[in-house]
Protein backbone atom coordinates (compact mmCIF):
# COMPACT_ATOMS: atom_id res chain seq x y z
CA MET A 1 2.48 -0.95 -10.76
CA LYS A 2 5.69 -2.12 -9.15
CA ALA A 3 4.89 -4.91 -6.69
CA ILE A 4 5.49 -4.07 -3.06
CA HIS A 5 5.68 -7.13 -0.84
CA PHE A 6 4.97 -7.52 2.83
CA THR A 7 5.32 -10.30 5.33
CA TYR A 8 2.29 -11.69 7.07
CA GLU A 9 4.09 -11.28 10.39
CA ASP A 10 3.71 -7.52 9.87
CA THR A 11 -0.09 -7.59 9.74
CA ASP A 12 -0.39 -6.05 13.19
CA ILE A 13 1.54 -3.11 11.74
CA LEU A 14 -0.11 -3.16 8.32
CA PRO A 15 -3.76 -4.18 8.54
CA TYR A 16 -4.97 -5.35 5.14
CA VAL A 17 -7.80 -6.79 3.07
CA SER A 18 -7.57 -8.90 -0.06
CA VAL A 19 -8.48 -7.87 -3.58
CA GLY A 20 -11.94 -9.28 -4.24
CA GLU A 21 -13.28 -8.60 -0.73
CA PRO A 22 -16.75 -7.10 -0.73
CA VAL A 23 -16.91 -3.52 0.44
CA TRP A 24 -19.26 -4.35 3.34
CA ARG A 25 -16.65 -6.73 4.78
CA VAL A 26 -13.93 -4.09 4.42
CA TRP A 27 -16.15 -1.56 6.21
CA ARG A 28 -16.67 -3.97 9.11
CA LYS A 29 -12.93 -4.59 9.41
CA MET A 30 -12.22 -0.85 9.47
CA LYS A 31 -14.76 -0.36 12.24
CA ARG A 32 -13.40 -3.31 14.22
CA LEU A 33 -9.82 -2.02 13.95
CA GLY A 34 -10.75 1.65 14.37
CA VAL A 35 -8.94 2.74 11.17
CA GLN A 36 -9.90 4.82 8.15
CA TYR A 37 -7.46 3.20 5.69
CA LEU A 38 -6.53 -0.38 4.87
CA ALA A 39 -3.92 -1.85 2.57
CA VAL A 40 -5.35 -3.94 -0.30
CA VAL A 41 -3.25 -6.97 -1.20
CA ASN A 42 -3.19 -9.72 -3.78
CA GLY A 43 -1.29 -12.59 -2.22
CA ARG A 44 1.84 -10.91 -0.91
CA ALA A 45 1.75 -7.88 -3.23
CA LEU A 46 0.40 -4.52 -2.12
CA MET A 47 -2.11 -3.38 -4.75
CA GLY A 48 -3.45 -0.19 -3.21
CA ILE A 49 -5.14 1.56 -0.30
CA VAL A 50 -8.85 1.71 0.44
CA ARG A 51 -10.30 4.67 2.34
CA GLU A 52 -13.36 4.82 4.53
CA ARG A 53 -14.66 7.86 2.64
CA ASP A 54 -14.49 5.95 -0.67
CA ILE A 55 -16.56 3.17 0.86
CA ARG A 56 -19.16 5.70 1.97
CA LEU A 57 -19.25 7.21 -1.53
CA ILE A 58 -19.61 3.87 -3.33
CA SER A 59 -22.33 2.83 -0.88
CA GLN A 60 -24.33 5.94 -1.80
CA ILE A 61 -23.86 5.31 -5.51
CA HIS A 62 -24.64 1.58 -5.41
CA GLY A 63 -27.49 2.03 -2.97
CA GLY A 64 -26.42 -0.81 -0.71
CA GLU A 65 -25.33 -3.22 -3.44
CA SER A 66 -22.04 -4.91 -2.72
CA ALA A 67 -19.04 -3.70 -4.68
CA ASP A 68 -15.56 -5.18 -4.80
CA VAL A 69 -12.82 -3.33 -2.91
CA ALA A 70 -10.71 -3.30 -6.10
CA GLU A 71 -13.29 -0.97 -7.67
CA ILE A 72 -12.66 1.77 -5.14
CA MET A 73 -9.09 1.37 -3.92
CA GLN A 74 -6.42 3.99 -4.56
CA VAL A 75 -3.96 2.30 -6.91
CA GLU A 76 -0.26 3.11 -6.63
CA PRO A 77 -0.27 4.95 -3.31
CA LEU A 78 2.70 7.18 -2.56
CA MET A 79 5.50 5.18 -0.95
CA PHE A 80 8.43 6.23 1.15
CA LYS A 81 11.44 4.34 2.47
CA GLU A 82 11.83 4.19 6.23
CA ASN A 83 15.13 6.11 6.00
CA ASP A 84 13.55 9.04 4.12
CA GLU A 85 13.18 12.28 6.04
CA VAL A 86 9.86 13.26 7.58
CA SER A 87 10.14 16.61 5.79
CA GLN A 88 9.77 14.73 2.48
CA LEU A 89 6.25 13.75 3.53
CA PHE A 90 5.31 17.40 3.91
CA THR A 91 6.45 18.08 0.36
CA ALA A 92 4.25 15.20 -0.88
CA ILE A 93 1.31 16.39 1.22
CA CYS A 94 1.53 19.83 -0.39
CA GLN A 95 2.46 18.89 -3.96
CA GLU A 96 0.37 15.73 -4.37
CA LYS A 97 -2.43 16.69 -1.97
CA ALA A 98 -1.95 13.21 -0.53
CA ASP A 99 -3.29 12.16 2.84
CA VAL A 100 -2.04 8.59 3.03
CA PHE A 101 1.32 6.98 2.35
CA VAL A 102 2.88 3.54 2.55
CA LEU A 103 6.12 3.17 4.45
CA VAL A 104 8.42 0.45 3.06
CA ASN A 105 11.77 -0.93 4.14
CA ASP A 106 14.88 -1.38 1.99
CA LYS A 107 13.52 -4.69 0.67
CA ASN A 108 10.33 -2.93 -0.50
CA GLN A 109 8.28 -4.67 2.17
CA ALA A 110 5.33 -2.57 3.28
CA LEU A 111 5.55 -1.73 6.96
CA LYS A 112 2.75 0.69 7.71
CA VAL A 113 0.13 2.96 6.25
CA ILE A 114 0.97 6.49 7.39
CA THR A 115 -1.71 9.18 7.38
CA VAL A 116 -1.44 12.95 7.53
CA PHE A 117 -2.74 12.73 11.09
CA ASP A 118 0.12 10.37 12.05
CA VAL A 119 2.61 12.88 10.65
CA LEU A 120 1.01 15.86 12.41
CA LYS A 121 0.82 14.00 15.71
CA TYR A 122 4.49 13.09 15.44
CA VAL A 123 5.88 16.50 14.44
CA SER A 124 3.78 18.31 17.05
CA LEU A 125 6.07 16.80 19.69
CA PHE A 126 9.14 18.60 18.38
CA SER A 127 9.98 22.29 18.43
CA SER A 128 12.36 22.13 15.49
CA LYS A 129 12.31 20.57 12.06
CA ASN A 130 15.84 19.35 12.81
CA ASP A 131 14.41 17.04 15.50
CA TRP A 132 12.00 15.19 13.18
CA GLY A 133 14.52 12.71 11.83
CA SER A 134 13.74 9.82 9.54
CA LEU A 135 10.50 8.00 8.89
CA LYS A 136 12.00 5.04 10.74
CA LYS A 137 12.03 7.18 13.88
CA MET A 138 8.39 8.10 13.22
CA LEU A 139 7.49 4.44 12.63
CA ASN A 140 8.89 3.53 16.03
CA PHE A 141 6.89 6.38 17.58
CA THR A 142 3.61 5.28 15.96
CA ARG A 143 4.17 1.70 17.12
CA GLU A 144 4.49 2.92 20.71
CA ALA A 145 1.57 5.38 20.56
């Protein structure tokens, strides 16, 4: 996997957990932040995405035993540059059946985890596909929302 780096100053934009964290701690962080997805990092490198539904599944399988977040994370999440068009996300949603993406800048620094719901919320504000613009425009919208 190609390493994607982020800056710790961006953690309000990109909430994360570290590889090696127990699943119960990740679950608590998700609940505290009110999110369903978290970035999984190793130092400054983005390793994957962990989903709330995967935590629920592993909890049922392990019967309450603690698992490591690395066991359940989605490795190599789909990534888009902030200057890519929003319409490209729709293609990925349909072709890859993806529901979560990582938005990166030109330096390959992760900026935000974008979900299908973020995309739908954003595009619902516009009457025309021509008004959607770039993912950078959407990133600014999701920061304000």
